[in-house]
Amino acid sequence: MTAVFTRIVLRYLAAALVARGFLGADDASAIAADPDIAMAIEVGLGAAIAAVAEGWHWLTLKIKER
């Protein structure tokens, strides 16, 4: 299910980059359809979410120590 959402986000991101002139239409379709890019983004988002959760936990522990 995450792969589906990632592909949707990649399509919107690629469309925005094409609209701004940063990418060509061929490049955008390649980014949106490439499963390796989607998997890399999923891993990156998972790591970012885990880092935020751990940082939040660390912050609450520091606040409780005061």
N, C-alpha and C. Protein backbone atom coordinates (compact mmCIF):
# COMPACT_ATOMS: atom_id res chain seq x y z
N MET A 1 0.82 -1.19 0.00
CA MET A 1 0.00 0.00 0.00
C MET A 1 0.87 1.25 0.00
N THR A 2 2.00 1.20 0.67
CA THR A 2 2.90 2.34 0.71
C THR A 2 3.44 2.65 -0.69
N ALA A 3 3.69 1.60 -1.46
CA ALA A 3 4.20 1.81 -2.82
C ALA A 3 3.21 2.58 -3.67
N VAL A 4 1.94 2.34 -3.47
CA VAL A 4 0.91 3.05 -4.22
C VAL A 4 0.95 4.53 -3.89
N PHE A 5 1.00 4.86 -2.61
CA PHE A 5 1.06 6.27 -2.21
C PHE A 5 2.34 6.94 -2.69
N THR A 6 3.44 6.20 -2.65
CA THR A 6 4.71 6.75 -3.11
C THR A 6 4.66 7.07 -4.59
N ARG A 7 4.07 6.19 -5.39
CA ARG A 7 3.95 6.46 -6.83
C ARG A 7 3.08 7.67 -7.09
N ILE A 8 2.01 7.83 -6.31
CA ILE A 8 1.15 8.99 -6.47
C ILE A 8 1.91 10.27 -6.15
N VAL A 9 2.63 10.26 -5.04
CA VAL A 9 3.42 11.44 -4.65
C VAL A 9 4.49 11.74 -5.70
N LEU A 10 5.15 10.70 -6.22
CA LEU A 10 6.16 10.90 -7.24
C LEU A 10 5.57 11.52 -8.50
N ARG A 11 4.37 11.10 -8.88
CA ARG A 11 3.74 11.68 -10.07
C ARG A 11 3.45 13.16 -9.88
N TYR A 12 2.92 13.52 -8.71
CA TYR A 12 2.65 14.94 -8.44
C TYR A 12 3.94 15.74 -8.37
N LEU A 13 4.95 15.20 -7.74
CA LEU A 13 6.24 15.88 -7.64
C LEU A 13 6.86 16.06 -9.03
N ALA A 14 6.82 15.01 -9.83
CA ALA A 14 7.36 15.10 -11.18
C ALA A 14 6.58 16.12 -12.02
N ALA A 15 5.26 16.15 -11.86
CA ALA A 15 4.45 17.13 -12.60
C ALA A 15 4.79 18.55 -12.17
N ALA A 16 5.02 18.76 -10.89
CA ALA A 16 5.40 20.09 -10.42
C ALA A 16 6.76 20.50 -10.98
N LEU A 17 7.69 19.56 -11.03
CA LEU A 17 9.02 19.87 -11.57
C LEU A 17 8.96 20.15 -13.07
N VAL A 18 8.11 19.44 -13.79
CA VAL A 18 7.93 19.70 -15.21
C VAL A 18 7.30 21.07 -15.41
N ALA A 19 6.30 21.39 -14.60
CA ALA A 19 5.62 22.68 -14.72
C ALA A 19 6.59 23.84 -14.46
N ARG A 20 7.52 23.65 -13.57
CA ARG A 20 8.51 24.69 -13.25
C ARG A 20 9.66 24.72 -14.25
N GLY A 21 9.75 23.68 -15.08
CA GLY A 21 10.80 23.63 -16.09
C GLY A 21 12.09 22.98 -15.63
N PHE A 22 12.06 22.32 -14.49
CA PHE A 22 13.27 21.65 -13.99
C PHE A 22 13.50 20.30 -14.65
N LEU A 23 12.44 19.65 -15.10
CA LEU A 23 12.53 18.33 -15.73
C LEU A 23 11.78 18.35 -17.05
N GLY A 24 12.20 17.47 -17.94
CA GLY A 24 11.44 17.24 -19.16
C GLY A 24 10.36 16.21 -18.90
N ALA A 25 9.40 16.11 -19.79
CA ALA A 25 8.29 15.18 -19.62
C ALA A 25 8.77 13.73 -19.60
N ASP A 26 9.79 13.41 -20.41
CA ASP A 26 10.32 12.04 -20.43
C ASP A 26 10.99 11.68 -19.11
N ASP A 27 11.72 12.62 -18.55
CA ASP A 27 12.38 12.39 -17.26
C ASP A 27 11.34 12.18 -16.15
N ALA A 28 10.29 12.98 -16.19
CA ALA A 28 9.25 12.88 -15.16
C ALA A 28 8.55 11.53 -15.20
N SER A 29 8.25 11.04 -16.39
CA SER A 29 7.58 9.73 -16.48
C SER A 29 8.52 8.62 -16.03
N ALA A 30 9.80 8.77 -16.29
CA ALA A 30 10.77 7.76 -15.84
C ALA A 30 10.86 7.74 -14.32
N ILE A 31 10.83 8.91 -13.69
CA ILE A 31 10.90 8.98 -12.23
C ILE A 31 9.65 8.37 -11.61
N ALA A 32 8.48 8.69 -12.16
CA ALA A 32 7.23 8.21 -11.59
C ALA A 32 7.03 6.72 -11.78
N ALA A 33 7.65 6.14 -12.80
CA ALA A 33 7.43 4.72 -13.10
C ALA A 33 8.53 3.81 -12.58
N ASP A 34 9.63 4.35 -12.11
CA ASP A 34 10.77 3.53 -11.69
C ASP A 34 10.56 2.99 -10.28
N PRO A 35 10.47 1.66 -10.12
CA PRO A 35 10.25 1.10 -8.79
C PRO A 35 11.46 1.27 -7.86
N ASP A 36 12.66 1.39 -8.41
CA ASP A 36 13.84 1.59 -7.56
C ASP A 36 13.81 2.96 -6.89
N ILE A 37 13.38 3.97 -7.63
CA ILE A 37 13.26 5.30 -7.05
C ILE A 37 12.17 5.31 -5.99
N ALA A 38 11.05 4.65 -6.28
CA ALA A 38 9.96 4.59 -5.31
C ALA A 38 10.42 3.89 -4.03
N MET A 39 11.19 2.80 -4.16
CA MET A 39 11.67 2.08 -2.99
C MET A 39 12.66 2.94 -2.19
N ALA A 40 13.52 3.68 -2.89
CA ALA A 40 14.47 4.54 -2.19
C ALA A 40 13.75 5.63 -1.41
N ILE A 41 12.70 6.18 -1.99
CA ILE A 41 11.94 7.22 -1.30
C ILE A 41 11.20 6.62 -0.11
N GLU A 42 10.66 5.42 -0.25
CA GLU A 42 9.99 4.76 0.87
C GLU A 42 10.96 4.54 2.02
N VAL A 43 12.16 4.09 1.72
CA VAL A 43 13.16 3.86 2.76
C VAL A 43 13.53 5.18 3.43
N GLY A 44 13.73 6.21 2.62
CA GLY A 44 14.06 7.52 3.17
C GLY A 44 12.97 8.08 4.06
N LEU A 45 11.71 7.95 3.62
CA LEU A 45 10.60 8.42 4.44
C LEU A 45 10.48 7.62 5.72
N GLY A 46 10.69 6.32 5.64
CA GLY A 46 10.65 5.48 6.84
C GLY A 46 11.73 5.86 7.83
N ALA A 47 12.93 6.14 7.32
CA ALA A 47 14.02 6.56 8.20
C ALA A 47 13.73 7.92 8.82
N ALA A 48 13.15 8.83 8.04
CA ALA A 48 12.83 10.16 8.56
C ALA A 48 11.77 10.07 9.64
N ILE A 49 10.76 9.25 9.43
CA ILE A 49 9.70 9.08 10.43
C ILE A 49 10.26 8.47 11.71
N ALA A 50 11.13 7.47 11.55
CA ALA A 50 11.76 6.86 12.72
C ALA A 50 12.64 7.86 13.46
N ALA A 51 13.37 8.70 12.73
CA ALA A 51 14.21 9.70 13.36
C ALA A 51 13.39 10.72 14.12
N VAL A 52 12.27 11.13 13.56
CA VAL A 52 11.40 12.09 14.26
C VAL A 52 10.84 11.47 15.53
N ALA A 53 10.41 10.21 15.45
CA ALA A 53 9.87 9.54 16.63
C ALA A 53 10.92 9.39 17.72
N GLU A 54 12.13 9.00 17.35
CA GLU A 54 13.19 8.85 18.34
C GLU A 54 13.62 10.21 18.90
N GLY A 55 13.67 11.21 18.06
CA GLY A 55 14.00 12.55 18.54
C GLY A 55 12.96 13.08 19.50
N TRP A 56 11.71 12.82 19.19
CA TRP A 56 10.62 13.25 20.09
C TRP A 56 10.75 12.55 21.44
N HIS A 57 11.05 11.25 21.42
CA HIS A 57 11.22 10.49 22.66
C HIS A 57 12.41 11.04 23.45
N TRP A 58 13.52 11.31 22.79
CA TRP A 58 14.69 11.87 23.45
C TRP A 58 14.36 13.22 24.07
N LEU A 59 13.62 14.03 23.33
CA LEU A 59 13.25 15.35 23.85
C LEU A 59 12.38 15.25 25.10
N THR A 60 11.43 14.31 25.11
CA THR A 60 10.58 14.17 26.29
C THR A 60 11.38 13.69 27.49
N LEU A 61 12.35 12.83 27.26
CA LEU A 61 13.21 12.37 28.37
C LEU A 61 14.02 13.53 28.93
N LYS A 62 14.54 14.39 28.06
CA LYS A 62 15.31 15.55 28.50
C LYS A 62 14.44 16.52 29.29
N ILE A 63 13.20 16.70 28.87
CA ILE A 63 12.28 17.61 29.56
C ILE A 63 11.93 17.05 30.94
N LYS A 64 11.74 15.74 31.03
CA LYS A 64 11.39 15.12 32.32
C LYS A 64 12.55 15.20 33.32
N GLU A 65 13.80 15.25 32.83
CA GLU A 65 14.95 15.30 33.73
C GLU A 65 15.04 16.63 34.45
N ARG A 66 14.47 17.65 33.93
CA ARG A 66 14.57 19.00 34.54
C ARG A 66 13.84 19.08 35.80
